[in-house]
C-alpha atoms as a PDB file:
ATOM      1  CA  MET A   1      -3.796   3.108 -14.507  1.00  0.00           C
ATOM      2  CA  LYS A   2      -2.277   6.302 -13.167  1.00  0.00           C
ATOM      3  CA  ASN A   3       0.038   6.396 -10.168  1.00  0.00           C
ATOM      4  CA  VAL A   4      -0.758   9.367  -7.932  1.00  0.00           C
ATOM      5  CA  LEU A   5       1.601  10.606  -5.219  1.00  0.00           C
ATOM      6  CA  LEU A   6       0.115  12.596  -2.367  1.00  0.00           C
ATOM      7  CA  VAL A   7       2.670  14.563  -0.341  1.00  0.00           C
ATOM      8  CA  GLY A   8       1.669  15.468   3.223  1.00  0.00           C
ATOM      9  CA  SER A   9      -0.480  14.138   6.048  1.00  0.00           C
ATOM     10  CA  GLY A  10      -2.753  16.931   7.236  1.00  0.00           C
ATOM     11  CA  ALA A  11      -6.486  17.478   6.966  1.00  0.00           C
ATOM     12  CA  ARG A  12      -6.082  18.951   3.479  1.00  0.00           C
ATOM     13  CA  GLU A  13      -4.399  15.752   2.306  1.00  0.00           C
ATOM     14  CA  VAL A  14      -7.096  13.583   3.937  1.00  0.00           C
ATOM     15  CA  ALA A  15      -9.729  15.418   1.906  1.00  0.00           C
ATOM     16  CA  ILE A  16      -7.697  15.028  -1.288  1.00  0.00           C
ATOM     17  CA  ALA A  17      -7.113  11.302  -0.674  1.00  0.00           C
ATOM     18  CA  LYS A  18     -10.818  10.705  -0.084  1.00  0.00           C
ATOM     19  CA  LYS A  19     -11.761  12.490  -3.317  1.00  0.00           C
ATOM     20  CA  ILE A  20      -9.189  10.547  -5.325  1.00  0.00           C
ATOM     21  CA  LYS A  21     -10.497   7.250  -3.980  1.00  0.00           C
ATOM     22  CA  LYS A  22     -14.101   8.257  -4.806  1.00  0.00           C
ATOM     23  CA  SER A  23     -13.207   9.317  -8.347  1.00  0.00           C
ATOM     24  CA  ARG A  24     -14.113   7.158 -11.289  1.00  0.00           C
ATOM     25  CA  GLY A  25     -10.580   7.077 -12.666  1.00  0.00           C
ATOM     26  CA  ASP A  26      -8.251   4.121 -12.392  1.00  0.00           C
ATOM     27  CA  TYR A  27      -5.693   5.359  -9.854  1.00  0.00           C
ATOM     28  CA  SER A  28      -3.173   3.867  -7.466  1.00  0.00           C
ATOM     29  CA  LEU A  29      -2.664   6.291  -4.594  1.00  0.00           C
ATOM     30  CA  PHE A  30       0.659   6.554  -2.777  1.00  0.00           C
ATOM     31  CA  CYS A  31       1.566   8.934   0.036  1.00  0.00           C
ATOM     32  CA  ILE A  32       4.777  10.390   1.441  1.00  0.00           C
ATOM     33  CA  ALA A  33       4.409  12.142   4.778  1.00  0.00           C
ATOM     34  CA  PRO A  34       6.534  13.055   7.795  1.00  0.00           C
ATOM     35  CA  ASN A  35       4.240  11.029  10.080  1.00  0.00           C
ATOM     36  CA  THR A  36       1.538   8.412   9.789  1.00  0.00           C
ATOM     37  CA  ASN A  37      -2.017   9.560   9.228  1.00  0.00           C
ATOM     38  CA  PRO A  38      -4.249   6.485   9.650  1.00  0.00           C
ATOM     39  CA  GLN A  39      -7.057   8.007   7.563  1.00  0.00           C
ATOM     40  CA  ILE A  40      -4.769   8.466   4.574  1.00  0.00           C
ATOM     41  CA  LYS A  41      -2.861   5.218   5.093  1.00  0.00           C
ATOM     42  CA  THR A  42      -6.034   3.126   4.741  1.00  0.00           C
ATOM     43  CA  LEU A  43      -6.723   4.757   1.360  1.00  0.00           C
ATOM     44  CA  THR A  44      -3.283   4.216  -0.170  1.00  0.00           C
ATOM     45  CA  THR A  45      -1.518   1.410  -1.985  1.00  0.00           C
ATOM     46  CA  SER A  46       1.687   2.313  -0.121  1.00  0.00           C
ATOM     47  CA  TYR A  47       2.463   4.885   2.555  1.00  0.00           C
ATOM     48  CA  PHE A  48       6.009   6.195   3.085  1.00  0.00           C
ATOM     49  CA  GLU A  49       6.927   7.946   6.294  1.00  0.00           C
ATOM     50  CA  GLN A  50       9.878  10.253   5.687  1.00  0.00           C
ATOM     51  CA  SER A  51      10.929  13.863   5.944  1.00  0.00           C
ATOM     52  CA  LEU A  52       9.557  16.192   3.301  1.00  0.00           C
ATOM     53  CA  SER A  53      12.457  18.620   3.637  1.00  0.00           C
ATOM     54  CA  GLY A  54      14.704  16.405   1.516  1.00  0.00           C
ATOM     55  CA  VAL A  55      13.457  16.997  -2.016  1.00  0.00           C
ATOM     56  CA  GLU A  56      15.817  14.333  -3.378  1.00  0.00           C
ATOM     57  CA  GLY A  57      14.214  11.648  -1.198  1.00  0.00           C
ATOM     58  CA  VAL A  58      10.726  12.461  -2.407  1.00  0.00           C
ATOM     59  CA  VAL A  59      11.901  12.485  -6.030  1.00  0.00           C
ATOM     60  CA  ALA A  60      13.605   9.110  -5.565  1.00  0.00           C
ATOM     61  CA  VAL A  61      10.373   7.544  -4.299  1.00  0.00           C
ATOM     62  CA  ALA A  62       8.408   9.147  -7.152  1.00  0.00           C
ATOM     63  CA  LYS A  63      10.799   7.678  -9.718  1.00  0.00           C
ATOM     64  CA  LYS A  64      10.728   4.252  -8.076  1.00  0.00           C
ATOM     65  CA  LEU A  65       6.919   4.209  -8.178  1.00  0.00           C
ATOM     66  CA  SER A  66       6.644   5.639 -11.727  1.00  0.00           C
ATOM     67  CA  ILE A  67       4.421   8.461 -10.500  1.00  0.00           C
ATOM     68  CA  ASP A  68       2.263  10.142 -13.132  1.00  0.00           C
ATOM     69  CA  ILE A  69       0.703  12.855 -10.957  1.00  0.00           C
ATOM     70  CA  ALA A  70       1.957  14.444  -7.725  1.00  0.00           C
ATOM     71  CA  ILE A  71      -0.187  16.507  -5.378  1.00  0.00           C
ATOM     72  CA  ILE A  72       1.783  18.485  -2.826  1.00  0.00           C
ATOM     73  CA  GLY A  73      -0.270  19.736   0.113  1.00  0.00           C
ATOM     74  CA  PRO A  74       2.148  21.442   2.523  1.00  0.00           C
ATOM     75  CA  GLU A  75       3.801  24.723   1.613  1.00  0.00           C
ATOM     76  CA  ASN A  76       7.325  23.825   2.823  1.00  0.00           C
ATOM     77  CA  PRO A  77       8.055  21.254   0.076  1.00  0.00           C
ATOM     78  CA  LEU A  78       6.710  23.718  -2.482  1.00  0.00           C
ATOM     79  CA  GLU A  79       9.059  26.389  -1.177  1.00  0.00           C
ATOM     80  CA  ALA A  80      11.954  23.906  -1.243  1.00  0.00           C
ATOM     81  CA  GLY A  81      11.435  23.374  -4.980  1.00  0.00           C
ATOM     82  CA  LEU A  82       9.745  19.981  -5.020  1.00  0.00           C
ATOM     83  CA  VAL A  83       7.591  20.766  -8.051  1.00  0.00           C
ATOM     84  CA  ASP A  84      10.595  21.805 -10.138  1.00  0.00           C
ATOM     85  CA  ALA A  85      12.532  18.715  -9.036  1.00  0.00           C
ATOM     86  CA  LEU A  86       9.647  16.390  -9.926  1.00  0.00           C
ATOM     87  CA  GLU A  87       9.162  18.019 -13.317  1.00  0.00           C
ATOM     88  CA  GLU A  88      12.815  17.409 -14.188  1.00  0.00           C
END
């Protein structure tokens, strides 16, 4: 089983969450977002509401959950270096 972390709560992330849940793979879907999106929340194993501007906070949750794959939707966390921090 793969643990997938979805970062963000917009329409783009709703579409991604729906596709992950429809896929044939064995995935547990987790989400970190600055606010609650009910559509995404119903599709996830766990939903964390927290700021995305703090890269360290997102990385801490990813480590705690043993995330295998992260999908970052919004541009701001990408600009803040979230991908580099997760890869470390």
